[in-house]
């Protein structure tokens, strides 16, 4: 993206949808992703959720003359999908919804979603257009400082479908959690999916019908 390429090396403020702001030096940019270093870690931000980018007066005392090595090896031309593919196997923090980041590993990248393994939530399926940002940790960092021998990555044995819609269809009849269960209406039995509408039954037996386009993440405790 030529406009952002001209700003490489500049300290910028990135305003996200939802009144969230991040500040850092712009180290890479393409049409679908920005990469900034915030003085501590690299943040990979899909441009889909970027509202504004502006020059920053923050971090003025931070020395960016010698940036640390990027945790994700890039090709000369990056893209959102390439970043996700290259992040596989790296302990990563991602942000999808609410105020709670998720920690774990990208395990597969499909047509319009990716599979993410979390030591807390297990296997999760996340639509590509709902990832707000991704921050990889260094190679030696493991979740919660666990010894690697006590932390095998155990993705679900549920076969992966090409699209998010097809994958969610496989969870019919199971207890599922949408969007980290931020409300009681996001936890229940996935009864059926029809024309992108999900029928869920909550613990008290009440039915809710949700457009699949608004589902930011899903995991099934039994998988």
Protein backbone atom coordinates (compact mmCIF):
# COMPACT_ATOMS: atom_id res chain seq x y z
CA UNK A 1 0.00 0.00 0.00
CA UNK A 2 1.88 3.05 -1.30
CA UNK A 3 0.39 5.53 1.18
CA UNK A 4 1.59 3.49 4.14
CA UNK A 5 4.88 2.52 2.50
CA UNK A 6 5.84 6.19 2.63
CA UNK A 7 5.31 6.14 6.40
CA UNK A 8 7.58 3.18 7.15
CA UNK A 9 9.75 4.00 10.15
CA UNK A 10 7.35 6.62 11.46
CA UNK A 11 5.65 6.39 14.85
CA UNK A 12 1.91 6.22 14.24
CA UNK A 13 -1.36 5.98 16.12
CA UNK A 14 -3.73 3.32 14.81
CA UNK A 15 -7.39 3.88 15.66
CA UNK A 16 -9.45 0.72 15.48
CA UNK A 17 -13.18 0.27 15.20
CA UNK A 18 -14.56 0.24 18.73
CA UNK A 19 -12.50 3.19 20.07
CA UNK A 20 -9.27 1.26 20.53
CA UNK A 21 -5.91 2.90 19.91
CA UNK A 22 -2.47 1.40 19.41
CA UNK A 23 0.80 3.27 19.00
CA UNK A 24 4.06 2.08 17.49
CA UNK A 25 6.59 2.43 14.73
CA UNK A 26 5.28 1.26 11.36
CA UNK A 27 7.65 -1.48 10.22
CA UNK A 28 5.68 -3.06 7.37
CA UNK A 29 2.46 -2.50 5.46
CA UNK A 30 0.38 -4.01 2.71
CA UNK A 31 -3.17 -3.51 1.54
CA UNK A 32 -4.64 -5.91 4.12
CA UNK A 33 -2.25 -5.68 7.08
CA UNK A 34 -0.12 -3.24 9.09
CA UNK A 35 2.81 -4.24 11.28
CA UNK A 36 3.83 -1.97 14.15
CA UNK A 37 6.36 -2.31 16.95
CA UNK A 38 5.04 -0.78 20.17
CA UNK A 39 8.33 -0.73 22.06
CA UNK A 40 7.71 -4.17 23.51
CA UNK A 41 6.22 -6.45 20.86
CA UNK A 42 5.20 -6.57 17.23
CA UNK A 43 1.51 -6.20 16.42
CA UNK A 44 0.02 -7.48 13.16
CA UNK A 45 -3.19 -5.55 12.48
CA UNK A 46 -5.56 -6.45 9.60
CA UNK A 47 -6.57 -3.21 7.90
CA UNK A 48 -10.21 -4.33 7.79
CA UNK A 49 -10.61 -3.05 11.35
CA UNK A 50 -8.50 0.11 11.01
CA UNK A 51 -10.48 3.34 11.18
CA UNK A 52 -7.70 5.95 11.12
CA UNK A 53 -3.91 6.12 11.03
CA UNK A 54 -2.12 9.31 12.07
CA UNK A 55 1.33 10.54 13.07
CA UNK A 56 1.91 10.12 16.78
CA UNK A 57 3.49 12.30 19.45
CA UNK A 58 3.66 9.30 21.80
CA UNK A 59 6.61 7.03 22.46
CA UNK A 60 8.92 9.98 21.82
CA UNK A 61 11.51 8.69 24.28
CA UNK A 62 11.51 5.13 22.92
CA UNK A 63 14.57 4.12 20.92
CA UNK A 64 13.53 2.42 17.70
CA UNK A 65 16.95 2.62 16.05
CA UNK A 66 17.56 -1.12 16.53
CA UNK A 67 14.31 -3.04 16.35
CA UNK A 68 14.37 -6.67 17.55
CA UNK A 69 14.07 -9.43 15.01
CA UNK A 70 10.52 -10.07 13.90
CA UNK A 71 9.07 -13.25 15.41
CA UNK A 72 7.34 -14.14 12.13
CA UNK A 73 9.56 -14.67 9.10
CA UNK A 74 8.11 -12.71 6.20
CA UNK A 75 8.43 -12.90 2.45
CA UNK A 76 9.40 -9.63 0.81
CA UNK A 77 5.72 -8.92 0.25
CA UNK A 78 3.54 -9.73 3.22
CA UNK A 79 -0.20 -10.34 3.40
CA UNK A 80 -2.69 -11.15 6.13
CA UNK A 81 -2.94 -14.79 5.01
CA UNK A 82 0.85 -15.21 4.77
CA UNK A 83 1.27 -13.82 8.28
CA UNK A 84 -1.24 -16.33 9.66
CA UNK A 85 0.42 -19.19 7.81
CA UNK A 86 3.87 -18.17 9.04
CA UNK A 87 2.55 -17.79 12.61
CA UNK A 88 1.71 -21.49 12.82
CA UNK A 89 3.53 -23.07 15.73
CA UNK A 90 4.43 -19.75 17.40
CA UNK A 91 2.85 -18.97 20.78
CA UNK A 92 0.63 -16.00 19.98
CA UNK A 93 -1.77 -13.54 21.55
CA UNK A 94 -4.82 -12.67 19.46
CA UNK A 95 -7.71 -10.31 20.01
CA UNK A 96 -11.14 -11.11 18.63
CA UNK A 97 -13.94 -9.67 20.78
CA UNK A 98 -14.78 -8.15 24.12
CA UNK A 99 -11.87 -7.11 26.32
CA UNK A 100 -10.10 -10.44 26.61
CA UNK A 101 -7.18 -11.55 24.42
CA UNK A 102 -6.70 -15.25 23.66
CA UNK A 103 -3.37 -17.06 23.89
CA UNK A 104 -2.36 -20.11 21.91
CA UNK A 105 -1.33 -21.32 18.48
CA UNK A 106 -2.59 -20.94 14.91
CA UNK A 107 -2.86 -24.53 13.70
CA UNK A 108 -4.63 -24.30 10.31
CA UNK A 109 -5.68 -21.52 7.93
CA UNK A 110 -8.68 -22.24 5.74
CA UNK A 111 -10.63 -20.24 3.13
CA UNK A 112 -12.38 -17.76 5.45
CA UNK A 113 -11.43 -18.89 8.96
CA UNK A 114 -8.53 -20.29 10.93
CA UNK A 115 -8.21 -22.92 13.61
CA UNK A 116 -6.61 -21.76 16.86
CA UNK A 117 -5.54 -23.98 19.74
CA UNK A 118 -5.77 -22.42 23.21
CA UNK A 119 -4.62 -24.18 26.38
CA UNK A 120 -7.64 -22.60 28.10
CA UNK A 121 -10.44 -22.97 25.54
CA UNK A 122 -9.17 -25.86 23.43
CA UNK A 123 -9.74 -25.77 19.68
CA UNK A 124 -11.38 -22.59 18.39
CA UNK A 125 -12.62 -21.59 14.94
CA UNK A 126 -12.26 -17.89 14.11
CA UNK A 127 -13.45 -16.11 10.93
CA UNK A 128 -10.63 -14.24 9.21
CA UNK A 129 -12.59 -10.99 9.14
CA UNK A 130 -13.03 -10.93 12.92
CA UNK A 131 -9.37 -11.02 13.97
CA UNK A 132 -8.49 -7.55 15.29
CA UNK A 133 -4.77 -8.10 15.85
CA UNK A 134 -2.16 -10.77 16.38
CA UNK A 135 0.98 -10.49 18.54
CA UNK A 136 3.51 -13.33 18.42
CA UNK A 137 5.79 -14.07 21.35
CA UNK A 138 9.46 -14.94 21.02
CA UNK A 139 10.46 -18.49 20.12
CA UNK A 140 11.38 -19.44 23.67
CA UNK A 141 8.11 -18.26 25.22
CA UNK A 142 5.56 -20.96 26.10
CA UNK A 143 2.03 -20.50 27.49
CA UNK A 144 2.03 -19.61 31.16
CA UNK A 145 5.77 -20.54 31.26
CA UNK A 146 4.86 -24.23 31.10
CA UNK A 147 7.61 -26.64 30.17
CA UNK A 148 7.08 -27.65 26.55
CA UNK A 149 6.92 -31.33 27.47
CA UNK A 150 3.82 -30.57 29.56
CA UNK A 151 2.15 -28.59 26.80
CA UNK A 152 1.46 -30.58 23.67
CA UNK A 153 -0.63 -28.76 21.07
CA UNK A 154 -3.73 -30.93 20.74
CA UNK A 155 -6.00 -29.57 18.01
CA UNK A 156 -9.38 -31.17 17.57
CA UNK A 157 -9.66 -34.37 15.57
CA UNK A 158 -12.77 -32.87 13.93
CA UNK A 159 -12.03 -32.81 10.17
CA UNK A 160 -11.65 -29.30 8.80
CA UNK A 161 -13.98 -27.98 6.12
CA UNK A 162 -13.12 -25.37 3.53
CA UNK A 163 -15.34 -22.60 4.95
CA UNK A 164 -16.41 -21.42 8.39
CA UNK A 165 -20.06 -22.10 7.60
CA UNK A 166 -19.33 -25.71 6.63
CA UNK A 167 -17.18 -26.22 9.71
CA UNK A 168 -19.81 -24.90 12.11
CA UNK A 169 -22.36 -27.24 10.52
CA UNK A 170 -20.29 -30.13 11.91
CA UNK A 171 -20.96 -28.87 15.44
CA UNK A 172 -24.73 -29.33 15.24
CA UNK A 173 -25.98 -31.24 18.28
CA UNK A 174 -23.07 -30.13 20.49
CA UNK A 175 -22.71 -27.63 23.30
CA UNK A 176 -20.82 -24.66 21.91
CA UNK A 177 -19.54 -21.30 23.10
CA UNK A 178 -19.66 -18.21 20.88
CA UNK A 179 -17.40 -15.19 21.46
CA UNK A 180 -15.84 -16.62 24.65
CA UNK A 181 -19.27 -16.86 26.26
CA UNK A 182 -19.48 -13.14 27.00
CA UNK A 183 -23.20 -13.51 27.76
CA UNK A 184 -25.54 -16.43 28.59
CA UNK A 185 -27.04 -16.18 25.11
CA UNK A 186 -23.68 -17.16 23.61
CA UNK A 187 -23.52 -20.58 25.30
CA UNK A 188 -25.81 -23.46 24.45
CA UNK A 189 -26.78 -26.35 22.23
CA UNK A 190 -26.19 -25.67 18.55
CA UNK A 191 -29.47 -27.04 17.29
CA UNK A 192 -29.30 -26.24 13.58
CA UNK A 193 -27.92 -23.93 10.89
CA UNK A 194 -30.06 -22.82 7.98
CA UNK A 195 -29.15 -20.15 5.41
CA UNK A 196 -26.47 -18.63 7.70
CA UNK A 197 -28.86 -18.46 10.67
CA UNK A 198 -27.81 -20.42 13.75
CA UNK A 199 -30.45 -21.83 16.09
CA UNK A 200 -29.07 -22.12 19.63
CA UNK A 201 -30.83 -23.37 22.75
CA UNK A 202 -29.53 -21.98 26.05
CA UNK A 203 -29.32 -23.81 29.38
CA UNK A 204 -32.80 -22.66 30.41
CA UNK A 205 -34.28 -23.94 27.14
CA UNK A 206 -34.72 -20.61 25.38
CA UNK A 207 -34.10 -20.42 21.63
CA UNK A 208 -31.92 -17.76 20.01
CA UNK A 209 -31.36 -17.24 16.30
CA UNK A 210 -28.06 -15.61 15.32
CA UNK A 211 -26.61 -14.53 11.97
CA UNK A 212 -23.38 -16.48 11.48
CA UNK A 213 -21.72 -13.34 10.11
CA UNK A 214 -21.70 -11.92 13.65
CA UNK A 215 -20.02 -14.93 15.27
CA UNK A 216 -16.44 -13.90 16.12
CA UNK A 217 -15.25 -17.21 17.55
CA UNK A 218 -16.65 -20.60 18.42
CA UNK A 219 -15.41 -23.53 20.43
CA UNK A 220 -17.04 -26.71 21.64
CA UNK A 221 -15.86 -27.88 25.08
CA UNK A 222 -16.32 -31.49 24.05
CA UNK A 223 -13.89 -31.29 21.07
